């Protein structure tokens, strides 16, 4: 009984290491291509619109209700200790440090990561990627690099907008539901938030944008097996991106705020 268990664990470990090595090699090739011309500017702009502009509704909706719920929950807890005045501080710090970047990244991973994997995976199984190679166009340069650049550049802007909308949601609940003074609420918010809080969230957003686009491109680029393979690639892209977001979030937080 022990030997099959050890064998299973060994196979799982080797499979994980092989998959991680393949992703790292794919990322290295893409980064190497990213610093070499030519640069497909139209593709980059198109992907920035796809990742950023078209994701604004879902990210904004998530952010505003997160801020509203956070204000309500904070009030419920802090009222027990007569510390209601700390609600603006908790809302702005929670959103800028953690909830804004993580929730926005998870929503973008579900929307954009799946779409990238499906698009590139369909191109792979229909041999359109091979056709690009025959036309002397590097598929990695044309398909993957613009998405990586767009993800790294766009997600911080998206998260900054999400932070503002989330703080607005907390403000609406605090002022119109919990009867806070509007000027006092805004003053507490502005006075308490620090540059490091916002900056750490934007750094997280850039890393998350890279991970989302990397996973979407990798699983789509390496998909095989027809329509079923494309479906698996889409699922794997979202799951792996979400796991990497949550894992890397801890290490970035550790780097910024560990004492």
Protein backbone atom coordinates (compact mmCIF):
# COMPACT_ATOMS: atom_id res chain seq x y z
CA UNK A 1 0.00 0.00 0.00
CA UNK A 2 2.88 2.35 0.77
CA UNK A 3 4.68 1.82 -2.54
CA UNK A 4 1.69 2.79 -4.77
CA UNK A 5 1.14 5.88 -2.61
CA UNK A 6 4.78 6.93 -2.95
CA UNK A 7 4.59 6.25 -6.68
CA UNK A 8 1.48 8.41 -7.00
CA UNK A 9 3.06 11.25 -5.05
CA UNK A 10 6.22 10.97 -7.16
CA UNK A 11 4.23 11.14 -10.39
CA UNK A 12 2.26 14.13 -9.16
CA UNK A 13 5.44 15.92 -8.12
CA UNK A 14 7.17 15.22 -11.42
CA UNK A 15 4.07 16.30 -13.34
CA UNK A 16 3.87 19.54 -11.38
CA UNK A 17 7.56 20.28 -11.92
CA UNK A 18 7.27 19.52 -15.64
CA UNK A 19 4.26 21.83 -15.98
CA UNK A 20 5.96 24.60 -13.99
CA UNK A 21 9.11 24.27 -16.10
CA UNK A 22 7.08 24.46 -19.32
CA UNK A 23 5.33 27.63 -18.14
CA UNK A 24 8.62 29.23 -17.07
CA UNK A 25 10.24 28.43 -20.41
CA UNK A 26 7.20 29.81 -22.26
CA UNK A 27 7.34 33.00 -20.17
CA UNK A 28 11.07 33.35 -20.78
CA UNK A 29 10.61 33.04 -24.54
CA UNK A 30 7.80 35.59 -24.49
CA UNK A 31 9.82 38.08 -22.42
CA UNK A 32 12.79 37.65 -24.72
CA UNK A 33 10.58 38.43 -27.71
CA UNK A 34 9.05 41.42 -25.89
CA UNK A 35 12.33 43.36 -25.92
CA UNK A 36 12.98 42.78 -29.60
CA UNK A 37 11.37 44.63 -32.52
CA UNK A 38 9.04 44.64 -34.34
CA UNK A 39 6.30 45.79 -31.98
CA UNK A 40 2.72 45.23 -33.09
CA UNK A 41 1.25 48.44 -31.71
CA UNK A 42 -2.22 47.89 -33.13
CA UNK A 43 -2.39 44.50 -31.45
CA UNK A 44 -1.25 46.01 -28.14
CA UNK A 45 -3.88 48.77 -28.32
CA UNK A 46 -6.58 46.25 -29.23
CA UNK A 47 -5.66 44.06 -26.29
CA UNK A 48 -5.56 47.05 -23.93
CA UNK A 49 -9.11 47.88 -24.95
CA UNK A 50 -10.16 44.26 -24.53
CA UNK A 51 -8.54 43.84 -21.12
CA UNK A 52 -9.15 47.29 -19.69
CA UNK A 53 -12.03 49.18 -21.27
CA UNK A 54 -14.37 46.24 -21.82
CA UNK A 55 -13.68 44.92 -18.30
CA UNK A 56 -14.65 48.20 -16.63
CA UNK A 57 -18.36 47.37 -16.13
CA UNK A 58 -17.79 44.07 -14.33
CA UNK A 59 -14.84 45.38 -12.31
CA UNK A 60 -16.66 48.59 -11.39
CA UNK A 61 -19.77 46.70 -10.29
CA UNK A 62 -17.66 44.35 -8.19
CA UNK A 63 -15.73 47.23 -6.62
CA UNK A 64 -18.69 49.42 -5.68
CA UNK A 65 -20.61 46.61 -3.98
CA UNK A 66 -17.44 45.41 -2.26
CA UNK A 67 -16.93 48.89 -0.80
CA UNK A 68 -20.58 49.08 0.27
CA UNK A 69 -20.54 45.67 1.94
CA UNK A 70 -17.21 46.41 3.59
CA UNK A 71 -18.60 49.59 5.13
CA UNK A 72 -21.67 47.77 6.42
CA UNK A 73 -19.71 44.88 7.87
CA UNK A 74 -17.15 47.19 9.46
CA UNK A 75 -19.91 49.18 11.10
CA UNK A 76 -21.49 46.02 12.52
CA UNK A 77 -18.20 44.98 14.11
CA UNK A 78 -16.84 48.36 15.17
CA UNK A 79 -20.09 49.47 16.76
CA UNK A 80 -19.46 46.94 19.53
CA UNK A 81 -16.33 48.88 20.53
CA UNK A 82 -17.61 52.40 19.75
CA UNK A 83 -15.01 52.67 16.97
CA UNK A 84 -17.31 53.64 14.10
CA UNK A 85 -14.98 56.51 13.14
CA UNK A 86 -12.42 53.96 11.86
CA UNK A 87 -14.74 52.71 9.11
CA UNK A 88 -13.40 55.08 6.38
CA UNK A 89 -9.86 54.00 7.25
CA UNK A 90 -10.67 50.30 7.05
CA UNK A 91 -12.52 50.69 3.76
CA UNK A 92 -9.79 52.61 1.96
CA UNK A 93 -6.90 50.46 3.24
CA UNK A 94 -8.67 47.17 2.57
CA UNK A 95 -9.56 48.22 -0.96
CA UNK A 96 -6.23 49.71 -1.99
CA UNK A 97 -4.05 47.00 -0.45
CA UNK A 98 -6.01 43.81 -1.02
CA UNK A 99 -9.60 43.72 -2.18
CA UNK A 100 -9.23 46.08 -5.14
CA UNK A 101 -6.29 44.30 -6.82
CA UNK A 102 -7.36 40.74 -5.95
CA UNK A 103 -11.05 41.00 -6.83
CA UNK A 104 -10.36 42.96 -10.01
CA UNK A 105 -7.73 40.42 -11.07
CA UNK A 106 -10.04 37.47 -10.39
CA UNK A 107 -12.83 39.06 -12.42
CA UNK A 108 -10.45 39.83 -15.29
CA UNK A 109 -9.05 36.30 -15.11
CA UNK A 110 -12.53 34.87 -15.52
CA UNK A 111 -13.37 37.17 -18.39
CA UNK A 112 -10.12 37.85 -20.26
CA UNK A 113 -8.04 34.78 -19.39
CA UNK A 114 -10.76 32.45 -20.62
CA UNK A 115 -11.25 34.48 -23.80
CA UNK A 116 -7.52 34.46 -24.58
CA UNK A 117 -7.23 30.72 -24.05
CA UNK A 118 -10.27 30.08 -26.23
CA UNK A 119 -9.11 32.40 -29.02
CA UNK A 120 -5.52 31.17 -29.19
CA UNK A 121 -6.58 27.56 -28.60
CA UNK A 122 -8.99 27.74 -31.53
CA UNK A 123 -6.21 29.15 -33.68
CA UNK A 124 -3.98 26.27 -32.58
CA UNK A 125 -6.41 23.44 -33.35
CA UNK A 126 -7.44 25.02 -36.67
CA UNK A 127 -3.75 25.39 -37.64
CA UNK A 128 -3.91 29.18 -37.94
CA UNK A 129 -0.81 29.45 -35.75
CA UNK A 130 1.06 27.18 -38.17
CA UNK A 131 -0.13 29.43 -40.99
CA UNK A 132 1.44 32.43 -39.25
CA UNK A 133 4.76 30.62 -39.17
CA UNK A 134 4.57 29.90 -42.89
CA UNK A 135 4.02 33.64 -43.46
CA UNK A 136 7.30 34.39 -41.62
CA UNK A 137 5.44 35.82 -38.61
CA UNK A 138 6.51 34.66 -35.19
CA UNK A 139 3.28 33.45 -33.50
CA UNK A 140 4.71 34.12 -30.04
CA UNK A 141 5.62 37.67 -31.03
CA UNK A 142 2.29 38.37 -32.71
CA UNK A 143 -0.16 36.62 -30.37
CA UNK A 144 1.41 36.42 -26.93
CA UNK A 145 3.67 39.46 -26.47
CA UNK A 146 0.96 42.11 -27.16
CA UNK A 147 -1.32 40.43 -24.62
CA UNK A 148 1.40 40.32 -21.97
CA UNK A 149 2.30 43.99 -22.49
CA UNK A 150 -1.36 45.02 -22.46
CA UNK A 151 -2.03 43.05 -19.27
CA UNK A 152 0.90 44.58 -17.39
CA UNK A 153 0.03 48.13 -18.49
CA UNK A 154 -3.75 47.99 -18.25
CA UNK A 155 -4.53 46.14 -15.04
CA UNK A 156 -2.96 48.79 -12.73
CA UNK A 157 -5.18 51.44 -14.33
CA UNK A 158 -8.17 49.15 -13.95
CA UNK A 159 -7.35 48.54 -10.29
CA UNK A 160 -6.90 52.26 -9.64
CA UNK A 161 -10.38 52.88 -11.05
CA UNK A 162 -11.71 49.98 -8.96
CA UNK A 163 -10.17 51.52 -5.83
CA UNK A 164 -11.89 54.84 -6.50
CA UNK A 165 -15.24 53.21 -7.22
CA UNK A 166 -14.94 50.98 -4.15
CA UNK A 167 -14.18 53.94 -1.89
CA UNK A 168 -17.18 55.69 -3.45
CA UNK A 169 -19.35 52.70 -2.53
CA UNK A 170 -18.15 52.87 1.07
CA UNK A 171 -18.79 56.63 1.08
CA UNK A 172 -22.37 56.20 -0.16
CA UNK A 173 -23.18 53.66 2.53
CA UNK A 174 -21.34 55.59 5.24
CA UNK A 175 -23.00 58.93 4.50
CA UNK A 176 -26.49 57.98 3.31
CA UNK A 177 -27.06 54.78 5.29
CA UNK A 178 -24.95 55.09 8.44
CA UNK A 179 -25.36 58.89 8.83
CA UNK A 180 -21.67 59.84 8.73
CA UNK A 181 -20.74 63.45 8.09
CA UNK A 182 -19.69 63.56 4.45
CA UNK A 183 -16.75 65.94 4.87
CA UNK A 184 -15.48 64.05 7.93
CA UNK A 185 -15.71 60.75 6.04
CA UNK A 186 -13.71 62.11 3.10
CA UNK A 187 -11.17 63.77 5.40
CA UNK A 188 -10.57 60.54 7.30
CA UNK A 189 -10.19 58.65 4.04
CA UNK A 190 -7.66 61.08 2.54
CA UNK A 191 -5.69 61.56 5.75
CA UNK A 192 -5.35 57.87 6.54
CA UNK A 193 -4.43 56.38 3.14
CA UNK A 194 -0.70 56.34 2.38
CA UNK A 195 1.28 56.18 -0.83
CA UNK A 196 2.56 52.71 0.03
CA UNK A 197 -1.00 51.38 0.28
CA UNK A 198 -1.88 52.47 -3.24
CA UNK A 199 1.53 51.65 -4.71
CA UNK A 200 1.54 48.10 -3.35
CA UNK A 201 -1.88 47.52 -4.89
CA UNK A 202 -0.71 48.79 -8.27
CA UNK A 203 2.39 46.57 -8.14
CA UNK A 204 0.14 43.62 -7.38
CA UNK A 205 -2.08 44.60 -10.31
CA UNK A 206 0.87 44.62 -12.73
CA UNK A 207 1.99 41.18 -11.55
CA UNK A 208 -1.56 39.85 -11.71
CA UNK A 209 -1.97 41.23 -15.23
CA UNK A 210 1.16 39.39 -16.33
CA UNK A 211 0.00 36.14 -14.71
CA UNK A 212 -3.51 36.33 -16.18
CA UNK A 213 -2.32 36.93 -19.72
CA UNK A 214 0.51 34.41 -19.38
CA UNK A 215 -1.84 31.64 -18.28
CA UNK A 216 -4.41 32.48 -20.93
CA UNK A 217 -1.82 32.53 -23.68
CA UNK A 218 0.08 29.45 -22.46
CA UNK A 219 -2.93 27.17 -22.15
CA UNK A 220 -4.33 28.35 -25.46
CA UNK A 221 -0.98 28.11 -27.25
CA UNK A 222 -0.33 24.55 -26.04
CA UNK A 223 -3.89 23.24 -26.40
CA UNK A 224 -4.59 20.19 -28.52
CA UNK A 225 -7.37 17.72 -29.16
CA UNK A 226 -9.96 19.80 -30.99
CA UNK A 227 -12.94 21.44 -29.31
CA UNK A 228 -12.51 19.40 -26.12
CA UNK A 229 -8.91 20.53 -25.83
CA UNK A 230 -9.92 24.16 -26.24
CA UNK A 231 -12.51 23.76 -23.49
CA UNK A 232 -9.93 22.23 -21.16
CA UNK A 233 -7.47 25.01 -21.99
CA UNK A 234 -10.06 27.64 -21.11
CA UNK A 235 -10.81 26.02 -17.76
CA UNK A 236 -7.14 25.48 -16.94
CA UNK A 237 -6.33 29.10 -17.80
CA UNK A 238 -8.89 30.50 -15.35
CA UNK A 239 -8.08 28.05 -12.55
CA UNK A 240 -4.30 28.39 -12.82
CA UNK A 241 -4.46 32.19 -13.10
CA UNK A 242 -6.71 32.40 -10.03
CA UNK A 243 -4.40 30.17 -8.00
CA UNK A 244 -1.33 32.15 -9.02
CA UNK A 245 -3.07 35.43 -8.16
CA UNK A 246 -3.87 34.28 -4.65
CA UNK A 247 -0.43 32.74 -4.13
CA UNK A 248 1.56 35.69 -5.44
CA UNK A 249 -0.66 38.07 -3.47
CA UNK A 250 0.73 36.67 -0.23
CA UNK A 251 4.36 36.97 -1.29
CA UNK A 252 3.96 40.55 -2.57
CA UNK A 253 2.18 41.50 0.67
CA UNK A 254 4.99 39.87 2.60
CA UNK A 255 7.55 41.90 0.65
CA UNK A 256 5.78 45.22 1.27
CA UNK A 257 4.40 44.94 4.78
CA UNK A 258 6.31 42.26 6.67
CA UNK A 259 8.02 43.48 9.81
